Protein backbone atom coordinates (compact mmCIF):
# COMPACT_ATOMS: atom_id res chain seq x y z
CA UNK A 1 13.21 -33.46 -3.56
CA UNK A 2 10.20 -33.16 -5.85
CA UNK A 3 7.26 -30.82 -5.20
CA UNK A 4 3.97 -30.06 -6.92
CA UNK A 5 4.14 -26.29 -6.36
CA UNK A 6 7.20 -24.21 -5.49
CA UNK A 7 6.65 -20.59 -4.49
CA UNK A 8 9.63 -18.21 -4.62
CA UNK A 9 9.02 -15.38 -2.15
CA UNK A 10 6.99 -15.36 1.06
CA UNK A 11 5.26 -11.98 0.99
CA UNK A 12 1.45 -11.81 1.12
CA UNK A 13 1.15 -13.10 -2.45
CA UNK A 14 3.64 -15.91 -1.93
CA UNK A 15 2.56 -17.21 1.44
CA UNK A 16 -1.16 -17.01 0.56
CA UNK A 17 -0.47 -18.88 -2.70
CA UNK A 18 1.38 -21.56 -0.70
CA UNK A 19 -1.46 -21.89 1.81
CA UNK A 20 -4.11 -22.17 -0.89
CA UNK A 21 -2.00 -24.69 -2.82
CA UNK A 22 -1.65 -26.82 0.30
CA UNK A 23 -5.38 -26.57 0.97
CA UNK A 24 -5.99 -27.87 -2.55
CA UNK A 25 -3.79 -30.90 -1.91
CA UNK A 26 -0.54 -29.84 -3.59
CA UNK A 27 2.79 -30.81 -2.04
CA UNK A 28 4.06 -27.27 -1.58
CA UNK A 29 7.45 -25.63 -1.01
CA UNK A 30 8.06 -21.96 -0.27
CA UNK A 31 11.52 -20.40 -0.66
CA UNK A 32 12.39 -17.21 1.22
CA UNK A 33 15.65 -15.33 0.88
CA UNK A 34 15.50 -13.73 4.33
CA UNK A 35 15.41 -15.25 7.82
CA UNK A 36 11.76 -14.37 8.44
CA UNK A 37 8.68 -15.00 6.31
CA UNK A 38 6.27 -12.29 5.25
CA UNK A 39 8.26 -10.34 2.67
CA UNK A 40 8.32 -6.55 2.49
CA UNK A 41 4.74 -6.16 3.73
CA UNK A 42 5.14 -7.86 7.09
CA UNK A 43 8.78 -7.00 7.77
CA UNK A 44 9.46 -3.51 6.38
CA UNK A 45 6.21 -2.36 4.81
CA UNK A 46 2.50 -2.54 5.62
CA UNK A 47 2.62 -3.94 9.14
CA UNK A 48 5.47 -1.93 10.74
CA UNK A 49 4.35 1.30 9.08
CA UNK A 50 0.81 0.87 10.41
CA UNK A 51 2.18 0.20 13.89
CA UNK A 52 4.08 3.51 13.77
CA UNK A 53 1.12 5.30 12.23
CA UNK A 54 -1.09 4.20 15.11
CA UNK A 55 1.50 5.11 17.74
CA UNK A 56 2.05 8.56 16.25
CA UNK A 57 -1.69 9.16 15.90
CA UNK A 58 -2.23 8.34 19.58
CA UNK A 59 0.53 10.79 20.52
CA UNK A 60 -0.83 13.50 18.25
CA UNK A 61 -4.36 13.06 19.60
CA UNK A 62 -3.12 13.19 23.19
CA UNK A 63 -1.17 16.37 22.48
CA UNK A 64 -3.67 18.23 20.32
CA UNK A 65 -7.15 16.77 20.84
CA UNK A 66 -7.55 15.25 24.30
CA UNK A 67 -8.28 18.56 26.02
CA UNK A 68 -11.37 18.95 23.84
CA UNK A 69 -12.62 15.67 25.31
CA UNK A 70 -11.99 16.76 28.88
CA UNK A 71 -8.76 14.78 29.25
CA UNK A 72 -5.68 16.46 30.69
CA UNK A 73 -2.41 14.70 29.94
CA UNK A 74 -0.03 16.88 31.94
CA UNK A 75 3.58 16.68 30.82
CA UNK A 76 3.32 14.56 27.70
CA UNK A 77 6.48 12.80 26.55
CA UNK A 78 7.29 10.71 23.51
CA UNK A 79 9.34 7.55 24.00
CA UNK A 80 10.62 7.00 20.46
CA UNK A 81 12.61 3.91 21.44
CA UNK A 82 9.47 2.31 22.87
CA UNK A 83 7.55 3.16 19.69
CA UNK A 84 10.15 1.31 17.64
CA UNK A 85 10.23 -1.62 20.08
CA UNK A 86 6.45 -1.95 19.90
CA UNK A 87 6.62 -1.87 16.12
CA UNK A 88 9.19 -4.68 16.21
CA UNK A 89 6.97 -6.69 18.56
CA UNK A 90 4.01 -6.34 16.20
CA UNK A 91 6.20 -7.44 13.27
CA UNK A 92 7.51 -10.46 15.17
CA UNK A 93 4.04 -11.57 16.23
CA UNK A 94 2.78 -11.27 12.68
CA UNK A 95 5.74 -13.10 11.12
CA UNK A 96 5.53 -15.83 13.76
CA UNK A 97 1.91 -16.22 12.70
CA UNK A 98 3.04 -17.02 9.15
CA UNK A 99 5.42 -19.68 10.51
CA UNK A 100 2.44 -21.18 12.35
CA UNK A 101 0.36 -21.22 9.16
CA UNK A 102 3.15 -22.92 7.22
CA UNK A 103 3.36 -25.66 9.84
CA UNK A 104 -0.41 -25.98 10.10
CA UNK A 105 -0.72 -26.50 6.34
CA UNK A 106 2.33 -28.81 6.15
CA UNK A 107 4.18 -26.48 3.77
CA UNK A 108 7.91 -27.03 3.43
CA UNK A 109 9.88 -23.83 4.09
CA UNK A 110 13.45 -23.28 2.93
CA UNK A 111 15.37 -20.09 3.72
CA UNK A 112 17.72 -19.28 0.87
CA UNK A 113 17.89 -17.55 -2.50
CA UNK A 114 15.83 -19.30 -5.18
CA UNK A 115 17.11 -19.35 -8.76
CA UNK A 116 15.20 -20.98 -11.60
CA UNK A 117 17.61 -23.34 -13.39
CA UNK A 118 15.17 -25.06 -15.70
CA UNK A 119 11.50 -25.43 -16.44
CA UNK A 120 11.10 -27.75 -13.48
CA UNK A 121 14.22 -27.01 -11.46
CA UNK A 122 14.98 -24.43 -8.78
CA UNK A 123 18.36 -24.03 -7.10
CA UNK A 124 18.36 -22.89 -3.48
CA UNK A 125 21.49 -21.10 -2.29
CA UNK A 126 21.67 -21.16 1.50
CA UNK A 127 23.37 -18.53 3.63
CA UNK A 128 26.03 -20.98 4.80
CA UNK A 129 27.21 -21.45 1.20
CA UNK A 130 25.48 -24.76 0.58
CA UNK A 131 23.24 -25.31 -2.42
CA UNK A 132 20.37 -27.63 -3.24
CA UNK A 133 18.41 -28.17 -6.44
CA UNK A 134 14.80 -29.28 -6.23
CA UNK A 135 12.39 -30.45 -8.90
CA UNK A 136 8.89 -29.09 -9.13
CA UNK A 137 5.87 -29.39 -11.39
CA UNK A 138 4.84 -25.74 -11.06
CA UNK A 139 6.71 -22.56 -10.09
CA UNK A 140 5.07 -19.40 -8.77
CA UNK A 141 7.28 -16.30 -8.76
CA UNK A 142 6.30 -13.95 -5.93
CA UNK A 143 9.52 -12.02 -5.35
CA UNK A 144 7.90 -8.60 -4.90
CA UNK A 145 9.59 -5.24 -5.27
CA UNK A 146 12.22 -2.90 -3.84
CA UNK A 147 12.23 0.90 -3.43
CA UNK A 148 13.42 2.83 -6.47
CA UNK A 149 16.63 4.73 -5.67
CA UNK A 150 18.15 6.45 -8.72
CA UNK A 151 21.90 7.10 -8.50
CA UNK A 152 21.40 10.87 -8.39
CA UNK A 153 19.91 10.60 -4.90
CA UNK A 154 23.15 9.18 -3.44
CA UNK A 155 21.17 6.70 -1.36
CA UNK A 156 23.40 5.85 1.62
CA UNK A 157 20.81 4.27 3.97
CA UNK A 158 21.86 6.71 6.71
CA UNK A 159 20.77 10.23 5.79
CA UNK A 160 19.30 9.52 2.36
CA UNK A 161 16.85 6.75 3.12
CA UNK A 162 13.85 4.78 1.88
CA UNK A 163 10.83 3.53 3.79
CA UNK A 164 12.91 0.58 5.01
CA UNK A 165 15.36 2.70 6.99
CA UNK A 166 12.69 5.21 8.06
CA UNK A 167 11.00 2.49 10.11
CA UNK A 168 14.01 2.29 12.43
CA UNK A 169 14.86 5.91 13.14
CA UNK A 170 15.29 5.95 16.91
CA UNK A 171 15.22 9.69 17.55
CA UNK A 172 12.77 12.40 16.55
CA UNK A 173 14.33 14.20 13.56
CA UNK A 174 14.13 17.97 13.53
CA UNK A 175 13.54 18.01 9.78
CA UNK A 176 12.80 15.63 6.93
CA UNK A 177 12.39 16.14 3.20
CA UNK A 178 10.24 13.56 1.46
CA UNK A 179 10.67 13.07 -2.27
CA UNK A 180 7.34 11.83 -3.59
CA UNK A 181 3.77 12.68 -2.62
CA UNK A 182 2.40 9.18 -3.06
CA UNK A 183 1.09 6.71 -0.50
CA UNK A 184 4.38 5.68 1.12
CA UNK A 185 5.79 9.20 1.37
CA UNK A 186 2.61 10.65 2.87
CA UNK A 187 2.11 7.84 5.38
CA UNK A 188 5.64 8.10 6.72
CA UNK A 189 5.58 11.86 6.47
CA UNK A 190 2.51 11.95 8.68
CA UNK A 191 4.21 9.65 11.22
CA UNK A 192 7.12 12.04 11.69
CA UNK A 193 5.05 15.22 11.40
CA UNK A 194 2.81 14.05 14.25
CA UNK A 195 5.74 13.50 16.60
CA UNK A 196 7.30 16.90 15.96
CA UNK A 197 9.43 16.70 12.82
CA UNK A 198 9.26 19.53 10.31
CA UNK A 199 8.23 17.69 7.16
CA UNK A 200 8.37 18.96 3.58
CA UNK A 201 7.08 16.99 0.59
CA UNK A 202 8.35 17.51 -2.96
CA UNK A 203 6.06 16.11 -5.66
CA UNK A 204 6.67 16.24 -9.43
CA UNK A 205 2.96 16.13 -10.30
CA UNK A 206 0.44 18.92 -9.70
CA UNK A 207 -1.15 17.12 -6.72
CA UNK A 208 -0.44 14.51 -4.07
CA UNK A 209 -1.69 10.91 -4.49
CA UNK A 210 -1.95 11.72 -8.21
CA UNK A 211 -3.40 8.31 -9.20
CA UNK A 212 -6.44 8.79 -6.96
CA UNK A 213 -9.50 10.99 -7.44
CA UNK A 214 -8.77 14.73 -7.43
CA UNK A 215 -11.24 15.40 -4.64
CA UNK A 216 -9.34 12.92 -2.46
CA UNK A 217 -6.08 14.73 -3.22
CA UNK A 218 -7.58 18.08 -2.25
CA UNK A 219 -9.16 16.82 0.97
CA UNK A 220 -6.04 14.98 2.13
CA UNK A 221 -3.68 17.84 1.36
CA UNK A 222 -5.89 20.26 3.27
CA UNK A 223 -5.82 17.94 6.30
CA UNK A 224 -2.07 17.30 6.15
CA UNK A 225 -1.32 21.01 5.87
CA UNK A 226 -3.25 21.51 9.12
CA UNK A 227 -0.96 18.91 10.70
CA UNK A 228 2.02 21.02 9.67
CA UNK A 229 3.30 19.32 6.50
CA UNK A 230 4.54 21.67 3.74
CA UNK A 231 4.09 20.77 0.08
CA UNK A 232 6.03 21.72 -3.05
CA UNK A 233 3.93 20.52 -5.97
CA UNK A 234 5.23 20.60 -9.55
CA UNK A 235 8.79 20.56 -8.20
CA UNK A 236 11.69 18.23 -8.92
CA UNK A 237 14.79 17.32 -6.92
CA UNK A 238 18.01 18.15 -8.76
CA UNK A 239 20.70 17.32 -6.22
CA UNK A 240 21.09 15.33 -2.99
CA UNK A 241 24.30 15.36 -0.94
CA UNK A 242 24.37 13.34 2.29
CA UNK A 243 26.91 13.71 5.08
CA UNK A 244 27.25 12.24 8.57
CA UNK A 245 24.55 14.32 10.22
CA UNK A 246 22.29 15.60 7.44
CA UNK A 247 21.46 15.70 3.74
CA UNK A 248 21.57 18.83 1.60
CA UNK A 249 18.82 18.77 -1.01
CA UNK A 250 18.19 21.10 -3.93
CA UNK A 251 14.83 21.19 -5.73
CA UNK A 252 13.18 23.57 -8.16
CA UNK A 253 9.93 24.10 -10.11
CA UNK A 254 9.44 21.60 -12.93
CA UNK A 255 8.93 24.38 -15.46
CA UNK A 256 12.00 26.26 -14.29
CA UNK A 257 12.53 28.83 -11.60
CA UNK A 258 14.56 29.67 -8.53
CA UNK A 259 16.05 26.55 -6.91
CA UNK A 260 15.51 25.86 -3.21
CA UNK A 261 18.48 24.44 -1.30
CA UNK A 262 18.45 23.41 2.35
CA UNK A 263 19.73 20.86 4.85
CA UNK A 264 17.56 18.22 6.47
CA UNK A 265 18.20 15.55 9.07
CA UNK A 266 16.90 13.01 6.57
CA UNK A 267 15.91 12.85 2.93
CA UNK A 268 13.33 10.10 2.41
CA UNK A 269 13.09 8.87 -1.19
CA UNK A 270 9.58 7.58 -1.93
CA UNK A 271 9.22 7.77 -5.71
CA UNK A 272 8.06 4.23 -6.33
CA UNK A 273 9.23 0.64 -6.31
CA UNK A 274 10.90 -1.63 -8.85
CA UNK A 275 10.22 -5.35 -9.42
CA UNK A 276 12.74 -7.60 -7.71
CA UNK A 277 14.09 -10.21 -10.13
CA UNK A 278 17.79 -10.13 -9.17
CA UNK A 279 19.48 -13.49 -9.73
CA UNK A 280 16.11 -15.13 -10.29
CA UNK A 281 17.36 -17.08 -13.30
CA UNK A 282 14.72 -15.95 -15.77
CA UNK A 283 17.30 -16.06 -18.55
CA UNK A 284 17.76 -19.78 -17.90
CA UNK A 285 14.22 -20.46 -19.10
CA UNK A 286 13.96 -17.74 -21.76
CA UNK A 287 11.72 -15.36 -19.82
CA UNK A 288 12.44 -11.71 -20.62
CA UNK A 289 11.24 -8.81 -18.50
CA UNK A 290 9.59 -5.76 -20.09
CA UNK A 291 11.06 -2.27 -20.32
CA UNK A 292 10.10 -1.56 -16.71
CA UNK A 293 11.54 -4.80 -15.38
CA UNK A 294 8.21 -6.56 -14.90
CA UNK A 295 7.61 -10.20 -15.81
CA UNK A 296 5.04 -10.46 -18.63
CA UNK A 297 2.09 -12.77 -17.91
CA UNK A 298 -1.23 -13.59 -19.58
CA UNK A 299 -4.69 -13.24 -18.03
CA UNK A 300 -4.08 -16.43 -16.07
CA UNK A 301 -0.81 -14.96 -14.70
CA UNK A 302 1.14 -17.54 -16.72
CA UNK A 303 4.53 -16.63 -18.16
CA UNK A 304 5.67 -17.82 -21.60
CA UNK A 305 6.31 -21.19 -19.95
CA UNK A 306 3.11 -23.08 -19.21
CA UNK A 307 4.18 -24.22 -15.73
CA UNK A 308 5.74 -20.98 -14.46
CA UNK A 309 3.50 -18.24 -13.07
CA UNK A 310 4.18 -14.82 -11.56
CA UNK A 311 2.10 -12.73 -9.16
CA UNK A 312 2.16 -9.50 -7.17
CA UNK A 313 4.50 -6.54 -7.54
CA UNK A 314 6.82 -8.42 -9.89
CA UNK A 315 4.19 -8.35 -12.67
CA UNK A 316 3.15 -4.72 -12.24
CA UNK A 317 -0.28 -3.22 -11.78
CA UNK A 318 -1.28 -1.93 -8.38
CA UNK A 319 1.53 -2.75 -5.95
CA UNK A 320 -0.77 -3.83 -3.15
CA UNK A 321 -0.53 -6.76 -0.75
CA UNK A 322 -4.19 -7.69 -1.17
CA UNK A 323 -3.86 -7.64 -4.95
CA UNK A 324 -0.95 -10.11 -4.69
CA UNK A 325 -2.99 -12.33 -2.35
CA UNK A 326 -5.88 -12.52 -4.82
CA UNK A 327 -3.45 -13.40 -7.60
CA UNK A 328 -1.85 -16.15 -5.50
CA UNK A 329 -5.27 -17.67 -4.93
CA UNK A 330 -6.19 -17.34 -8.61
CA UNK A 331 -3.08 -19.20 -9.79
CA UNK A 332 -3.36 -22.10 -7.36
CA UNK A 333 -7.05 -22.55 -7.99
CA UNK A 334 -6.41 -22.59 -11.74
CA UNK A 335 -3.81 -25.31 -11.17
CA UNK A 336 -6.51 -27.30 -9.39
CA UNK A 337 -8.87 -26.96 -12.35
CA UNK A 338 -11.09 -24.27 -10.90
CA UNK A 339 -12.18 -21.07 -12.68
CA UNK A 340 -11.39 -18.11 -10.41
CA UNK A 341 -11.56 -14.51 -11.54
CA UNK A 342 -10.17 -11.15 -10.43
CA UNK A 343 -11.82 -7.84 -11.26
CA UNK A 344 -8.81 -5.54 -11.02
CA UNK A 345 -11.03 -2.47 -11.15
CA UNK A 346 -12.54 -3.50 -7.82
CA UNK A 347 -9.30 -3.86 -5.86
CA UNK A 348 -9.42 -1.02 -3.33
CA UNK A 349 -6.59 1.39 -2.67
CA UNK A 350 -5.94 2.91 0.76
CA UNK A 351 -3.74 5.64 2.24
CA UNK A 352 -3.33 5.17 6.00
CA UNK A 353 -2.85 8.78 6.95
CA UNK A 354 -5.37 10.45 9.27
CA UNK A 355 -7.83 11.12 7.86
CA UNK A 356 -7.56 7.93 5.85
CA UNK A 357 -8.12 7.79 2.10
CA UNK A 358 -9.76 4.84 0.36
CA UNK A 359 -11.09 4.28 -3.12
CA UNK A 360 -12.42 1.65 -5.48
CA UNK A 361 -13.51 1.73 -9.12
CA UNK A 362 -13.14 4.58 -11.57
CA UNK A 363 -12.10 8.10 -10.63
CA UNK A 364 -14.04 11.05 -11.99
CA UNK A 365 -11.09 11.88 -14.25
CA UNK A 366 -11.10 8.36 -15.71
CA UNK A 367 -14.83 8.50 -16.45
CA UNK A 368 -14.32 11.78 -18.30
CA UNK A 369 -11.45 10.30 -20.30
CA UNK A 370 -13.58 7.29 -21.25
CA UNK A 371 -16.53 9.46 -22.23
CA UNK A 372 -18.85 7.73 -19.76
CA UNK A 373 -21.78 9.85 -18.62
CA UNK A 374 -22.09 9.77 -14.85
CA UNK A 375 -23.71 11.27 -11.78
CA UNK A 376 -21.80 12.33 -8.69
CA UNK A 377 -22.92 12.57 -5.09
CA UNK A 378 -20.80 13.79 -2.15
CA UNK A 379 -21.36 13.96 1.58
CA UNK A 380 -19.02 15.59 4.13
CA UNK A 381 -18.12 13.84 7.38
CA UNK A 382 -18.63 17.08 9.28
CA UNK A 383 -22.38 16.60 8.76
CA UNK A 384 -22.35 13.25 10.62
CA UNK A 385 -23.25 13.00 14.29
CA UNK A 386 -20.72 10.19 14.77
CA UNK A 387 -17.92 12.34 13.35
CA UNK A 388 -18.80 15.26 15.59
CA UNK A 389 -18.83 12.94 18.59
CA UNK A 390 -15.35 11.59 17.83
CA UNK A 391 -13.94 14.88 16.61
CA UNK A 392 -13.13 13.43 13.17
CA UNK A 393 -14.94 15.82 10.90
CA UNK A 394 -12.48 16.18 8.01
CA UNK A 395 -13.14 14.53 4.67
CA UNK A 396 -16.00 13.31 2.51
CA UNK A 397 -17.37 10.35 0.59
CA UNK A 398 -18.08 10.58 -3.14
CA UNK A 399 -20.21 8.13 -5.11
CA UNK A 400 -19.99 8.03 -8.91
CA UNK A 401 -22.81 6.27 -10.78
CA UNK A 402 -23.64 5.71 -14.43
CA UNK A 403 -26.06 8.43 -15.52
CA UNK A 404 -28.75 6.19 -17.02
CA UNK A 405 -28.53 2.88 -15.19
CA UNK A 406 -27.43 4.30 -11.80
CA UNK A 407 -24.84 1.51 -11.48
CA UNK A 408 -22.05 2.52 -9.10
CA UNK A 409 -18.80 3.03 -11.02
CA UNK A 410 -16.54 4.38 -8.29
CA UNK A 411 -16.55 5.32 -4.61
CA UNK A 412 -13.89 7.61 -3.12
CA UNK A 413 -13.44 8.50 0.54
CA UNK A 414 -11.35 10.69 2.81
CA UNK A 415 -12.17 10.46 6.48
CA UNK A 416 -12.14 8.39 9.67
CA UNK A 417 -11.85 4.60 9.22
CA UNK A 418 -12.38 4.76 5.46
CA UNK A 419 -9.82 1.95 5.12
CA UNK A 420 -12.50 -0.26 6.67
CA UNK A 421 -15.56 1.45 5.19
CA UNK A 422 -14.28 0.85 1.65
CA UNK A 423 -15.17 -2.84 1.99
CA UNK A 424 -18.84 -1.84 1.84
CA UNK A 425 -18.18 -0.10 -1.45
CA UNK A 426 -16.30 -3.10 -2.86
CA UNK A 427 -19.11 -5.44 -1.85
CA UNK A 428 -21.76 -3.27 -3.45
CA UNK A 429 -19.80 -2.91 -6.67
CA UNK A 430 -18.97 -6.64 -6.87
CA UNK A 431 -22.74 -7.21 -7.01
CA UNK A 432 -23.16 -4.32 -9.46
CA UNK A 433 -25.32 -2.32 -7.09
CA UNK A 434 -26.91 0.95 -8.08
CA UNK A 435 -26.53 4.10 -6.02
CA UNK A 436 -30.19 3.69 -5.11
CA UNK A 437 -29.49 0.17 -3.81
CA UNK A 438 -26.92 1.57 -1.38
CA UNK A 439 -29.18 4.48 -0.43
CA UNK A 440 -31.97 2.05 0.55
CA UNK A 441 -29.75 -0.10 2.78
CA UNK A 442 -30.21 0.55 6.49
CA UNK A 443 -27.02 1.91 8.04
CA UNK A 444 -26.66 1.90 11.81
CA UNK A 445 -26.83 5.28 13.54
CA UNK A 446 -24.59 6.89 14.57
CA UNK A 447 -21.78 5.47 12.39
CA UNK A 448 -19.26 6.73 9.88
CA UNK A 449 -20.81 4.46 7.24
CA UNK A 450 -23.92 6.63 7.15
CA UNK A 451 -21.84 8.92 4.94
CA UNK A 452 -21.88 6.18 2.26
CA UNK A 453 -25.68 6.09 2.31
CA UNK A 454 -25.90 9.88 2.21
CA UNK A 455 -23.45 10.13 -0.72
CA UNK A 456 -25.46 7.47 -2.56
CA UNK A 457 -28.63 9.48 -1.93
CA UNK A 458 -26.87 12.54 -3.33
CA UNK A 459 -25.86 10.60 -6.45
CA UNK A 460 -29.24 8.94 -6.94
CA UNK A 461 -31.61 11.87 -6.78
CA UNK A 462 -29.65 14.71 -5.19
CA UNK A 463 -31.50 14.18 -1.94
CA UNK A 464 -29.09 13.63 0.97
CA UNK A 465 -30.94 13.81 4.27
CA UNK A 466 -28.53 15.61 6.55
CA UNK A 467 -27.19 18.51 4.47
């Protein structure tokens, strides 16, 4: 068979690239190693983790907050098996939706391992042992990433686990140690903390979510401590020993000091992800990965071969589903002769804890490093009527604007529904709005988004209205 575009990998980047290619008139094939489409995000990442986050948040609210609202729950019980079943149902519905979209757009789907054999050839190895080689004009590599599990952690998928296995724990653990205070570790840590697990987080850096704005780190850590999570910042794990019923973990201060050794029901390793290029056949076409295993590409996401492109986690940058989607669209539209563009600085980042964390643009630390003069305005959610009504008063919104022009350079949020509110910030910054522009927009009352307006007022002329 001969195709115009062949996409290897069906995660958000891959399946969106395939859909856009089909929309543009390309005869499109997508190759997926596993039985279901959707990649890590839909199967063992974004979607199932958010399903568990929502379930655990409902339970936590019922247990700790409902009485404040005049709601008595009586004898509250957690059905962990039902939580997992619901998560699986959400995953199935979402993955079935991708199947529907493939059929709707007349995209050929083949389930097998794709290996590049030549500039225009891809071999598909099926699970029954059969093989097929197809010819294609263009190849888009969208194979994603896998959790990083160094040998020292003795990763056994039973007691020493990654996010993949954590999504299927069918009982409430008494204790869990999480290695890594980044997005994945904190999201899953909050899931288990809410349902009664004693959670400890070990982080090598001096703060959690270290790539985000410092104020966000402080606000989130304060909130998670209230939920019962313990933190060991500037600590490193030195030994992990799993057995049938637990894992014994030793960690100590980075700069030296007394080691801490204890047993936990689970040790969750969440120290990052590595690009997945196993048996991809890059060597067959002379493509070499960099020192971190990523596939080098130019601004157009083109590899050293003019017809082979790569997108998403496999090329590095922010390992985000929506970033991969934008790259899939960019590549296919370039193939069609269009001139798309991605502003990587305006791809938002989100942490789906509660309160949520969301950010776009430069952090305050980055502006200082670059020597850019700026103004800062902050507004706390506790000053909002909507937040007091819902009982979600933790967190703040911070607006950073260029000192002279007032152009917004970054917006950082911790609070209720900031994962959704951040879209307002992205929109404003895409159109190069000033803080004053945002401050003069009418925001419905009472809403959480009023905090954006108030923070913009604080940045513009230090004149927030409600503090």
